[in-house]
Protein backbone atom coordinates (compact mmCIF):
# COMPACT_ATOMS: atom_id res chain seq x y z
CA MET A 1 0.00 0.00 0.00
CA THR A 2 1.24 3.48 -0.81
CA ASN A 3 2.23 5.84 1.96
CA LEU A 4 0.65 9.10 0.86
CA ASP A 5 2.77 11.04 3.35
CA SER A 6 5.77 10.36 1.13
CA TYR A 7 4.31 12.77 -1.44
CA LEU A 8 3.86 15.65 1.02
CA PRO A 9 7.37 17.11 0.72
CA PHE A 10 7.01 17.39 -3.07
CA VAL A 11 3.54 18.93 -2.84
CA LYS A 12 4.60 21.43 -0.18
CA GLU A 13 7.72 22.32 -2.19
CA GLN A 14 5.58 23.03 -5.24
CA GLN A 15 3.25 25.15 -3.13
CA GLY A 16 6.24 27.20 -1.98
CA VAL A 17 7.59 27.57 -5.51
CA HIS A 18 4.28 28.99 -6.72
CA GLU A 19 4.04 31.34 -3.74
CA LYS A 20 7.51 32.70 -4.58
CA LEU A 21 6.62 33.05 -8.24
CA ALA A 22 3.42 34.90 -7.31
CA HIS A 23 5.50 37.33 -5.29
CA ARG A 24 7.96 37.73 -8.18
CA TYR A 25 5.15 38.57 -10.62
CA GLU A 26 3.15 40.94 -8.44
CA GLY A 27 3.33 43.53 -11.21
CA GLU A 28 1.69 41.15 -13.70
CA PRO A 29 -1.79 40.36 -12.37
CA TRP A 30 -2.50 37.46 -14.73
CA ARG A 31 0.74 35.61 -13.89
CA HIS A 32 0.47 36.49 -10.21
CA ASP A 33 -3.09 35.15 -10.02
CA ARG A 34 -2.17 31.94 -11.84
CA HIS A 35 0.62 31.22 -9.34
CA ILE A 36 -1.63 32.03 -6.38
CA LYS A 37 -4.25 29.65 -7.78
CA SER A 38 -1.64 26.91 -8.24
CA ALA A 39 -0.24 27.44 -4.73
CA ASN A 40 -3.75 27.16 -3.30
CA GLN A 41 -4.39 23.97 -5.26
CA PHE A 42 -1.18 22.42 -3.95
CA ALA A 43 -2.16 23.43 -0.40
CA SER A 44 -5.54 21.77 -0.89
CA LEU A 45 -3.84 18.67 -2.31
CA ALA A 46 -1.57 18.50 0.74
CA ASP A 47 -4.59 18.67 3.05
CA SER A 48 -6.31 15.94 1.04
CA LEU A 49 -3.25 13.70 1.18
CA VAL A 50 -3.06 14.07 4.96
CA ALA A 51 -6.77 13.30 5.35
CA ALA A 52 -6.59 10.31 3.01
CA GLN A 53 -3.55 8.90 4.80
CA LYS A 54 -5.39 9.19 8.13
CA GLU A 55 -8.26 7.19 6.69
CA LEU A 56 -5.87 4.57 5.32
CA ASP A 57 -4.14 4.36 8.69
CA LYS A 58 -7.46 3.44 10.32
CA GLY A 59 -7.51 0.29 8.25
CA VAL A 60 -9.93 -0.89 5.66
CA SER A 61 -12.86 -3.05 6.57
CA TYR A 62 -14.70 -4.86 3.86
CA ALA A 63 -18.24 -6.11 4.02
CA PRO A 64 -18.47 -9.84 3.54
CA ARG A 65 -19.27 -10.88 0.00
CA ALA A 66 -22.57 -12.51 -0.71
CA GLU A 67 -22.38 -16.11 -1.80
CA PRO A 68 -23.30 -16.60 -5.45
CA GLY A 69 -26.52 -18.26 -6.45
């Protein structure tokens, strides 16, 4: 099973890159807004990865299968 936490450093790094780029392009609203949007999407992805990993850590329970026929 995949450990989703292993992807967090990459996602957070990308969030930081886009935040820096947004700051760099403050004088260009279109570029600035695109980088802000991307940074926010990476932040949301990081939150989702954390939440999904917590659910996976709880363990998966399966309902018993019905017998055929």
